[in-house]
């Protein structure tokens, strides 16, 4: 997904789609931890001990995606 920044006063904002918010279990009142590795912007819920969960959370996201969109993936593969 490619996003563009939106002008917000003297700053710029990144709009987070509802699907991503649902996946991260956050809402408009959630505190977010924002960091960078020097090349990437990393945004995660602030309540996590380690904001970069890694392999386990990726596998969970894949499983959720397969559960929700498995039929669509099969149609696209054919």
N, C-alpha and C. Protein backbone atom coordinates (compact mmCIF):
# COMPACT_ATOMS: atom_id res chain seq x y z
N UNK A 1 0.84 -1.16 0.00
CA UNK A 1 0.00 0.00 0.00
C UNK A 1 0.90 1.24 0.00
N UNK A 2 0.62 2.16 -0.86
CA UNK A 2 1.36 3.41 -0.92
C UNK A 2 0.48 4.51 -0.38
N UNK A 3 1.03 5.30 0.53
CA UNK A 3 0.28 6.39 1.16
C UNK A 3 1.01 7.70 0.91
N UNK A 4 0.29 8.80 0.94
CA UNK A 4 0.88 10.13 0.86
C UNK A 4 0.56 10.88 2.14
N UNK A 5 1.43 11.80 2.50
CA UNK A 5 1.22 12.62 3.68
C UNK A 5 0.17 13.68 3.38
N UNK A 6 -0.57 14.07 4.42
CA UNK A 6 -1.60 15.10 4.32
C UNK A 6 -1.19 16.29 5.15
N UNK A 7 -1.33 17.48 4.62
CA UNK A 7 -0.99 18.71 5.35
C UNK A 7 -1.95 18.86 6.53
N UNK A 8 -1.39 19.12 7.71
CA UNK A 8 -2.18 19.27 8.94
C UNK A 8 -1.57 20.41 9.73
N UNK A 9 -2.05 21.65 9.52
CA UNK A 9 -1.45 22.82 10.15
C UNK A 9 -0.06 23.04 9.60
N UNK A 10 0.94 23.14 10.48
CA UNK A 10 2.33 23.30 10.06
C UNK A 10 3.05 21.96 9.96
N UNK A 11 2.31 20.88 10.09
CA UNK A 11 2.90 19.54 10.06
C UNK A 11 2.25 18.72 8.95
N UNK A 12 2.66 17.45 8.88
CA UNK A 12 2.07 16.52 7.93
C UNK A 12 1.60 15.29 8.69
N UNK A 13 0.51 14.68 8.21
CA UNK A 13 -0.08 13.53 8.88
C UNK A 13 -0.13 12.34 7.93
N UNK A 14 -0.01 11.17 8.49
CA UNK A 14 -0.17 9.93 7.74
C UNK A 14 -1.49 9.32 8.18
N UNK A 15 -2.42 9.14 7.27
CA UNK A 15 -3.74 8.60 7.59
C UNK A 15 -3.65 7.07 7.60
N UNK A 16 -4.11 6.47 8.69
CA UNK A 16 -4.06 5.01 8.85
C UNK A 16 -5.45 4.46 8.53
N UNK A 17 -5.52 3.54 7.59
CA UNK A 17 -6.79 2.96 7.17
C UNK A 17 -7.40 2.11 8.28
N UNK A 18 -8.71 1.99 8.27
CA UNK A 18 -9.45 1.25 9.29
C UNK A 18 -8.98 -0.21 9.37
N UNK A 19 -8.71 -0.84 8.25
CA UNK A 19 -8.27 -2.24 8.25
C UNK A 19 -6.97 -2.44 9.02
N UNK A 20 -6.04 -1.51 8.87
CA UNK A 20 -4.78 -1.60 9.60
C UNK A 20 -5.02 -1.35 11.07
N UNK A 21 -5.89 -0.39 11.39
CA UNK A 21 -6.20 -0.12 12.80
C UNK A 21 -6.83 -1.35 13.45
N UNK A 22 -7.72 -2.02 12.73
CA UNK A 22 -8.35 -3.23 13.26
C UNK A 22 -7.31 -4.33 13.48
N UNK A 23 -6.40 -4.49 12.53
CA UNK A 23 -5.36 -5.51 12.65
C UNK A 23 -4.47 -5.26 13.86
N UNK A 24 -4.15 -3.99 14.13
CA UNK A 24 -3.30 -3.64 15.26
C UNK A 24 -4.09 -3.47 16.56
N UNK A 25 -5.41 -3.59 16.47
CA UNK A 25 -6.29 -3.43 17.63
C UNK A 25 -6.09 -2.06 18.29
N UNK A 26 -6.12 -1.01 17.46
CA UNK A 26 -6.00 0.36 17.96
C UNK A 26 -7.20 1.18 17.50
N UNK A 27 -7.40 2.32 18.14
CA UNK A 27 -8.45 3.24 17.72
C UNK A 27 -7.90 4.66 17.76
N UNK A 28 -8.77 5.65 17.56
CA UNK A 28 -8.31 7.04 17.48
C UNK A 28 -7.73 7.57 18.79
N UNK A 29 -7.97 6.88 19.89
CA UNK A 29 -7.45 7.32 21.19
C UNK A 29 -6.18 6.55 21.60
N UNK A 30 -5.76 5.59 20.81
CA UNK A 30 -4.60 4.77 21.15
C UNK A 30 -3.30 5.58 21.06
N UNK A 31 -2.42 5.35 22.02
CA UNK A 31 -1.09 5.94 21.97
C UNK A 31 -0.24 5.07 21.06
N UNK A 32 0.56 5.71 20.21
CA UNK A 32 1.41 4.97 19.27
C UNK A 32 2.87 5.29 19.51
N UNK A 33 3.72 4.29 19.38
CA UNK A 33 5.16 4.45 19.50
C UNK A 33 5.71 4.63 18.10
N UNK A 34 6.38 5.74 17.84
CA UNK A 34 6.93 6.04 16.52
C UNK A 34 8.45 6.05 16.62
N UNK A 35 9.09 5.27 15.77
CA UNK A 35 10.55 5.21 15.75
C UNK A 35 11.00 5.01 14.31
N UNK A 36 12.31 4.97 14.11
CA UNK A 36 12.86 4.73 12.79
C UNK A 36 14.15 3.93 12.92
N UNK A 37 14.47 3.20 11.87
CA UNK A 37 15.75 2.52 11.82
C UNK A 37 16.73 3.29 10.94
N UNK A 38 16.39 4.51 10.60
CA UNK A 38 17.23 5.34 9.76
C UNK A 38 16.76 5.37 8.32
N UNK A 39 15.97 4.37 7.93
CA UNK A 39 15.44 4.31 6.57
C UNK A 39 13.94 4.11 6.55
N UNK A 40 13.39 3.53 7.61
CA UNK A 40 11.97 3.20 7.66
C UNK A 40 11.33 3.86 8.87
N UNK A 41 10.07 4.23 8.71
CA UNK A 41 9.26 4.73 9.82
C UNK A 41 8.53 3.53 10.41
N UNK A 42 8.63 3.35 11.72
CA UNK A 42 8.00 2.21 12.38
C UNK A 42 7.00 2.75 13.40
N UNK A 43 5.72 2.37 13.23
CA UNK A 43 4.65 2.82 14.10
C UNK A 43 4.01 1.59 14.73
N UNK A 44 3.90 1.57 16.06
CA UNK A 44 3.31 0.43 16.75
C UNK A 44 2.56 0.91 17.99
N UNK A 45 1.61 0.10 18.49
CA UNK A 45 0.91 0.48 19.71
C UNK A 45 1.89 0.71 20.85
N UNK A 46 1.71 1.77 21.63
CA UNK A 46 2.67 2.17 22.67
C UNK A 46 2.70 1.20 23.84
N UNK A 47 1.68 0.40 24.04
CA UNK A 47 1.63 -0.50 25.18
C UNK A 47 2.52 -1.72 25.06
N UNK A 48 3.10 -1.96 23.90
CA UNK A 48 3.94 -3.14 23.71
C UNK A 48 5.30 -2.95 24.36
N UNK A 49 5.84 -4.01 24.94
CA UNK A 49 7.19 -3.95 25.51
C UNK A 49 8.21 -3.77 24.40
N UNK A 50 8.07 -4.55 23.34
CA UNK A 50 8.96 -4.46 22.19
C UNK A 50 8.12 -4.05 21.00
N UNK A 51 8.28 -2.81 20.50
CA UNK A 51 7.41 -2.35 19.42
C UNK A 51 7.56 -3.13 18.12
N UNK A 52 8.66 -3.84 17.95
CA UNK A 52 8.84 -4.65 16.76
C UNK A 52 8.72 -6.11 17.17
N UNK A 53 7.52 -6.66 17.03
CA UNK A 53 7.27 -8.01 17.50
C UNK A 53 8.00 -9.06 16.69
N UNK A 54 8.15 -8.83 15.40
CA UNK A 54 8.90 -9.76 14.58
C UNK A 54 8.09 -10.88 14.00
N UNK A 55 8.73 -12.05 13.93
CA UNK A 55 8.19 -13.18 13.19
C UNK A 55 6.83 -13.64 13.68
N UNK A 56 6.63 -13.70 14.98
CA UNK A 56 5.37 -14.21 15.50
C UNK A 56 4.19 -13.34 15.05
N UNK A 57 4.30 -12.01 15.17
CA UNK A 57 3.19 -11.16 14.77
C UNK A 57 2.97 -11.21 13.26
N UNK A 58 4.05 -11.38 12.49
CA UNK A 58 3.90 -11.51 11.04
C UNK A 58 3.12 -12.78 10.71
N UNK A 59 3.46 -13.87 11.35
CA UNK A 59 2.75 -15.13 11.11
C UNK A 59 1.28 -15.01 11.51
N UNK A 60 1.00 -14.31 12.60
CA UNK A 60 -0.38 -14.10 13.02
C UNK A 60 -1.13 -13.28 11.97
N UNK A 61 -0.49 -12.26 11.42
CA UNK A 61 -1.11 -11.42 10.39
C UNK A 61 -1.38 -12.24 9.13
N UNK A 62 -0.44 -13.12 8.76
CA UNK A 62 -0.64 -13.98 7.59
C UNK A 62 -1.84 -14.90 7.81
N UNK A 63 -1.92 -15.51 8.98
CA UNK A 63 -3.03 -16.41 9.28
C UNK A 63 -4.36 -15.67 9.25
N UNK A 64 -4.40 -14.46 9.80
CA UNK A 64 -5.63 -13.67 9.78
C UNK A 64 -6.00 -13.33 8.34
N UNK A 65 -5.02 -12.97 7.54
CA UNK A 65 -5.26 -12.64 6.14
C UNK A 65 -5.80 -13.86 5.38
N UNK A 66 -5.20 -15.02 5.61
CA UNK A 66 -5.67 -16.24 4.94
C UNK A 66 -7.10 -16.58 5.37
N UNK A 67 -7.39 -16.38 6.64
CA UNK A 67 -8.74 -16.67 7.13
C UNK A 67 -9.76 -15.75 6.47
N UNK A 68 -9.42 -14.46 6.37
CA UNK A 68 -10.35 -13.48 5.82
C UNK A 68 -10.45 -13.54 4.29
N UNK A 69 -9.31 -13.74 3.62
CA UNK A 69 -9.26 -13.58 2.17
C UNK A 69 -8.78 -14.82 1.42
N UNK A 70 -8.78 -15.96 2.07
CA UNK A 70 -8.28 -17.19 1.45
C UNK A 70 -8.94 -17.52 0.12
N UNK A 71 -10.27 -17.36 0.03
CA UNK A 71 -10.97 -17.66 -1.22
C UNK A 71 -10.53 -16.72 -2.33
N UNK A 72 -10.33 -15.46 -2.00
CA UNK A 72 -9.89 -14.47 -2.99
C UNK A 72 -8.50 -14.81 -3.47
N UNK A 73 -7.60 -15.19 -2.57
CA UNK A 73 -6.24 -15.56 -2.94
C UNK A 73 -6.25 -16.75 -3.91
N UNK A 74 -7.11 -17.73 -3.65
CA UNK A 74 -7.20 -18.89 -4.53
C UNK A 74 -7.67 -18.49 -5.93
N UNK A 75 -8.67 -17.58 -5.99
CA UNK A 75 -9.15 -17.13 -7.29
C UNK A 75 -8.07 -16.36 -8.04
N UNK A 76 -7.31 -15.54 -7.32
CA UNK A 76 -6.25 -14.77 -7.96
C UNK A 76 -5.13 -15.66 -8.46
N UNK A 77 -4.89 -16.77 -7.76
CA UNK A 77 -3.80 -17.66 -8.15
C UNK A 77 -4.13 -18.46 -9.40
N UNK A 78 -5.39 -18.61 -9.70
CA UNK A 78 -5.80 -19.41 -10.88
C UNK A 78 -5.91 -18.60 -12.12
